[in-house]
């Protein structure tokens, strides 16, 4: 799993969140969870089939944005899960 962190200043967060979601869908990831509250947005997506679970080939993406008053933190996590399921 890899994680990146970015601080956003004076960004229209709702618009950015919508663009991220659209991009993930364009690269054929399935949105499996979406949550939005005041000053908090979370999106989880993955790509893979049932057969991919066995060989650990599911790609996983999570985007979290939180903050307030023109200053937000964006955390992007990417990786593969289910890699050691047979063991």
N, C-alpha and C. Protein backbone atom coordinates (compact mmCIF):
# COMPACT_ATOMS: atom_id res chain seq x y z
N UNK A 1 0.85 -1.17 0.00
CA UNK A 1 0.00 0.00 0.00
C UNK A 1 0.90 1.23 0.00
N UNK A 2 0.54 2.17 -0.82
CA UNK A 2 1.28 3.42 -0.91
C UNK A 2 0.35 4.57 -0.54
N UNK A 3 0.89 5.57 0.13
CA UNK A 3 0.06 6.69 0.57
C UNK A 3 0.75 8.01 0.29
N UNK A 4 -0.02 8.96 -0.23
CA UNK A 4 0.48 10.31 -0.49
C UNK A 4 -0.42 11.30 0.25
N UNK A 5 0.17 12.39 0.71
CA UNK A 5 -0.57 13.41 1.45
C UNK A 5 -0.28 14.77 0.83
N UNK A 6 -1.35 15.57 0.61
CA UNK A 6 -1.21 16.89 0.01
C UNK A 6 -2.08 17.86 0.80
N UNK A 7 -1.57 19.06 1.06
CA UNK A 7 -2.38 20.11 1.67
C UNK A 7 -2.90 21.02 0.57
N UNK A 8 -4.20 21.24 0.55
CA UNK A 8 -4.85 22.05 -0.47
C UNK A 8 -5.24 23.40 0.12
N UNK A 9 -4.96 24.45 -0.60
CA UNK A 9 -5.32 25.80 -0.17
C UNK A 9 -6.23 26.43 -1.21
N UNK A 10 -7.36 26.97 -0.76
CA UNK A 10 -8.29 27.69 -1.63
C UNK A 10 -8.68 26.92 -2.88
N UNK A 11 -9.13 25.68 -2.69
CA UNK A 11 -9.56 24.82 -3.79
C UNK A 11 -11.04 24.52 -3.59
N UNK A 12 -11.79 24.50 -4.68
CA UNK A 12 -13.20 24.12 -4.62
C UNK A 12 -13.25 22.59 -4.46
N UNK A 13 -13.40 22.13 -3.23
CA UNK A 13 -13.26 20.72 -2.89
C UNK A 13 -14.32 19.85 -3.56
N UNK A 14 -15.55 20.28 -3.56
CA UNK A 14 -16.62 19.48 -4.18
C UNK A 14 -16.32 19.23 -5.66
N UNK A 15 -15.85 20.26 -6.34
CA UNK A 15 -15.51 20.12 -7.77
C UNK A 15 -14.32 19.16 -7.94
N UNK A 16 -13.30 19.31 -7.11
CA UNK A 16 -12.14 18.41 -7.17
C UNK A 16 -12.56 16.97 -6.91
N UNK A 17 -13.39 16.75 -5.91
CA UNK A 17 -13.86 15.41 -5.57
C UNK A 17 -14.61 14.79 -6.75
N UNK A 18 -15.47 15.57 -7.38
CA UNK A 18 -16.21 15.08 -8.55
C UNK A 18 -15.28 14.73 -9.71
N UNK A 19 -14.23 15.53 -9.92
CA UNK A 19 -13.26 15.24 -10.99
C UNK A 19 -12.48 13.95 -10.69
N UNK A 20 -12.11 13.75 -9.44
CA UNK A 20 -11.39 12.53 -9.05
C UNK A 20 -12.28 11.31 -9.29
N UNK A 21 -13.53 11.39 -8.87
CA UNK A 21 -14.47 10.29 -9.06
C UNK A 21 -14.63 9.97 -10.55
N UNK A 22 -14.80 11.01 -11.36
CA UNK A 22 -14.96 10.82 -12.80
C UNK A 22 -13.73 10.15 -13.40
N UNK A 23 -12.54 10.58 -12.98
CA UNK A 23 -11.30 9.99 -13.50
C UNK A 23 -11.21 8.50 -13.14
N UNK A 24 -11.51 8.16 -11.89
CA UNK A 24 -11.46 6.76 -11.48
C UNK A 24 -12.42 5.91 -12.30
N UNK A 25 -13.59 6.44 -12.60
CA UNK A 25 -14.54 5.72 -13.43
C UNK A 25 -14.05 5.60 -14.87
N UNK A 26 -13.39 6.64 -15.37
CA UNK A 26 -12.87 6.59 -16.74
C UNK A 26 -11.78 5.55 -16.91
N UNK A 27 -11.01 5.29 -15.84
CA UNK A 27 -9.98 4.26 -15.94
C UNK A 27 -10.51 2.90 -15.46
N UNK A 28 -11.85 2.80 -15.43
CA UNK A 28 -12.58 1.56 -15.21
C UNK A 28 -12.41 0.96 -13.82
N UNK A 29 -12.30 1.80 -12.81
CA UNK A 29 -12.37 1.32 -11.43
C UNK A 29 -13.82 1.41 -10.99
N UNK A 30 -14.24 0.46 -10.16
CA UNK A 30 -15.59 0.44 -9.63
C UNK A 30 -15.61 1.20 -8.31
N UNK A 31 -16.52 2.15 -8.17
CA UNK A 31 -16.67 2.88 -6.93
C UNK A 31 -17.40 1.95 -5.96
N UNK A 32 -16.76 1.62 -4.83
CA UNK A 32 -17.38 0.70 -3.88
C UNK A 32 -17.86 1.42 -2.62
N UNK A 33 -17.43 2.66 -2.41
CA UNK A 33 -17.87 3.43 -1.25
C UNK A 33 -17.69 4.90 -1.56
N UNK A 34 -18.71 5.68 -1.21
CA UNK A 34 -18.63 7.13 -1.36
C UNK A 34 -19.33 7.76 -0.18
N UNK A 35 -18.65 8.71 0.45
CA UNK A 35 -19.19 9.36 1.64
C UNK A 35 -18.84 10.84 1.58
N UNK A 36 -19.81 11.68 1.89
CA UNK A 36 -19.56 13.12 1.90
C UNK A 36 -20.34 13.75 3.05
N UNK A 37 -19.63 14.44 3.90
CA UNK A 37 -20.21 15.19 5.01
C UNK A 37 -19.60 16.58 4.97
N UNK A 38 -20.03 17.43 5.85
CA UNK A 38 -19.43 18.76 5.91
C UNK A 38 -17.94 18.63 6.23
N UNK A 39 -17.12 19.14 5.37
CA UNK A 39 -15.65 19.16 5.54
C UNK A 39 -15.00 17.77 5.52
N UNK A 40 -15.68 16.77 4.97
CA UNK A 40 -15.10 15.43 4.85
C UNK A 40 -15.67 14.72 3.63
N UNK A 41 -14.78 14.19 2.79
CA UNK A 41 -15.16 13.44 1.60
C UNK A 41 -14.30 12.19 1.55
N UNK A 42 -14.90 11.05 1.20
CA UNK A 42 -14.17 9.79 1.14
C UNK A 42 -14.69 8.99 -0.05
N UNK A 43 -13.76 8.41 -0.79
CA UNK A 43 -14.10 7.63 -1.96
C UNK A 43 -13.19 6.41 -2.02
N UNK A 44 -13.78 5.24 -2.20
CA UNK A 44 -13.00 4.01 -2.34
C UNK A 44 -13.41 3.35 -3.65
N UNK A 45 -12.41 2.87 -4.37
CA UNK A 45 -12.66 2.20 -5.65
C UNK A 45 -11.69 1.04 -5.81
N UNK A 46 -12.09 0.06 -6.62
CA UNK A 46 -11.17 -1.04 -6.91
C UNK A 46 -11.42 -1.57 -8.31
N UNK A 47 -10.45 -2.33 -8.75
CA UNK A 47 -10.53 -2.96 -10.07
C UNK A 47 -10.08 -4.40 -9.91
N UNK A 48 -10.93 -5.31 -10.30
CA UNK A 48 -10.59 -6.72 -10.20
C UNK A 48 -11.83 -7.58 -10.17
N UNK A 49 -11.63 -8.85 -10.43
CA UNK A 49 -12.73 -9.81 -10.45
C UNK A 49 -12.57 -10.78 -9.29
N UNK A 50 -13.51 -11.72 -9.15
CA UNK A 50 -13.41 -12.73 -8.10
C UNK A 50 -12.14 -13.56 -8.26
N UNK A 51 -11.77 -13.85 -9.49
CA UNK A 51 -10.53 -14.59 -9.74
C UNK A 51 -9.30 -13.80 -9.34
N UNK A 52 -9.39 -12.50 -9.45
CA UNK A 52 -8.26 -11.64 -9.07
C UNK A 52 -7.98 -11.68 -7.58
N UNK A 53 -9.02 -11.95 -6.79
CA UNK A 53 -8.83 -12.03 -5.33
C UNK A 53 -7.86 -13.15 -5.00
N UNK A 54 -7.99 -14.28 -5.65
CA UNK A 54 -7.15 -15.45 -5.36
C UNK A 54 -5.69 -15.16 -5.64
N UNK A 55 -5.40 -14.47 -6.72
CA UNK A 55 -4.01 -14.20 -7.08
C UNK A 55 -3.51 -12.86 -6.56
N UNK A 56 -4.36 -12.13 -5.84
CA UNK A 56 -3.93 -10.87 -5.25
C UNK A 56 -3.73 -9.77 -6.26
N UNK A 57 -4.60 -9.70 -7.24
CA UNK A 57 -4.42 -8.74 -8.32
C UNK A 57 -5.49 -7.64 -8.32
N UNK A 58 -6.12 -7.40 -7.16
CA UNK A 58 -7.13 -6.34 -7.08
C UNK A 58 -6.43 -5.03 -6.78
N UNK A 59 -6.69 -4.03 -7.61
CA UNK A 59 -6.14 -2.70 -7.41
C UNK A 59 -7.13 -1.92 -6.57
N UNK A 60 -6.61 -1.23 -5.57
CA UNK A 60 -7.44 -0.53 -4.60
C UNK A 60 -7.01 0.93 -4.53
N UNK A 61 -7.99 1.84 -4.52
CA UNK A 61 -7.72 3.28 -4.42
C UNK A 61 -8.65 3.87 -3.38
N UNK A 62 -8.10 4.70 -2.50
CA UNK A 62 -8.93 5.44 -1.54
C UNK A 62 -8.49 6.89 -1.54
N UNK A 63 -9.47 7.80 -1.60
CA UNK A 63 -9.22 9.23 -1.57
C UNK A 63 -10.00 9.81 -0.39
N UNK A 64 -9.29 10.51 0.50
CA UNK A 64 -9.93 11.17 1.63
C UNK A 64 -9.55 12.65 1.62
N UNK A 65 -10.54 13.51 1.78
CA UNK A 65 -10.29 14.95 1.86
C UNK A 65 -11.00 15.45 3.10
N UNK A 66 -10.28 16.20 3.93
CA UNK A 66 -10.88 16.77 5.12
C UNK A 66 -10.23 18.12 5.43
N UNK A 67 -10.96 18.96 6.15
CA UNK A 67 -10.43 20.26 6.52
C UNK A 67 -11.54 21.29 6.54
N UNK A 68 -11.15 22.54 6.62
CA UNK A 68 -12.15 23.62 6.64
C UNK A 68 -11.51 24.95 6.29
N UNK A 69 -12.35 25.91 5.96
CA UNK A 69 -11.95 27.30 5.73
C UNK A 69 -10.79 27.47 4.75
N UNK A 70 -10.90 26.86 3.60
CA UNK A 70 -9.90 27.06 2.57
C UNK A 70 -8.62 26.26 2.72
N UNK A 71 -8.53 25.40 3.75
CA UNK A 71 -7.36 24.57 3.94
C UNK A 71 -7.81 23.13 4.19
N UNK A 72 -7.46 22.26 3.26
CA UNK A 72 -7.88 20.86 3.35
C UNK A 72 -6.67 19.94 3.15
N UNK A 73 -6.78 18.76 3.69
CA UNK A 73 -5.78 17.72 3.47
C UNK A 73 -6.37 16.66 2.57
N UNK A 74 -5.60 16.24 1.58
CA UNK A 74 -5.99 15.17 0.68
C UNK A 74 -5.04 14.00 0.91
N UNK A 75 -5.61 12.82 1.16
CA UNK A 75 -4.81 11.61 1.33
C UNK A 75 -5.23 10.64 0.23
N UNK A 76 -4.25 10.15 -0.51
CA UNK A 76 -4.48 9.19 -1.59
C UNK A 76 -3.74 7.91 -1.23
N UNK A 77 -4.49 6.82 -1.15
CA UNK A 77 -3.89 5.50 -0.87
C UNK A 77 -4.14 4.61 -2.07
N UNK A 78 -3.10 3.94 -2.51
CA UNK A 78 -3.22 3.00 -3.63
C UNK A 78 -2.48 1.72 -3.30
N UNK A 79 -2.88 0.64 -3.93
CA UNK A 79 -2.18 -0.61 -3.72
C UNK A 79 -3.00 -1.80 -4.18
N UNK A 80 -2.58 -2.96 -3.73
CA UNK A 80 -3.28 -4.21 -4.04
C UNK A 80 -3.62 -4.87 -2.72
N UNK A 81 -4.80 -5.44 -2.64
CA UNK A 81 -5.15 -6.18 -1.44
C UNK A 81 -5.53 -7.59 -1.80
N UNK A 82 -5.46 -8.49 -0.81
CA UNK A 82 -5.73 -9.90 -1.06
C UNK A 82 -4.51 -10.64 -1.55
N UNK A 83 -3.34 -10.02 -1.47
CA UNK A 83 -2.13 -10.59 -2.04
C UNK A 83 -1.73 -11.92 -1.42
N UNK A 84 -1.91 -12.07 -0.12
CA UNK A 84 -1.48 -13.28 0.55
C UNK A 84 -2.64 -14.15 1.01
N UNK A 85 -3.75 -14.09 0.31
CA UNK A 85 -4.96 -14.79 0.76
C UNK A 85 -4.80 -16.31 0.74
N UNK A 86 -4.01 -16.85 -0.16
CA UNK A 86 -3.83 -18.30 -0.24
C UNK A 86 -2.97 -18.79 0.92
N UNK A 87 -2.00 -18.01 1.31
CA UNK A 87 -1.12 -18.40 2.43
C UNK A 87 -1.93 -18.41 3.70
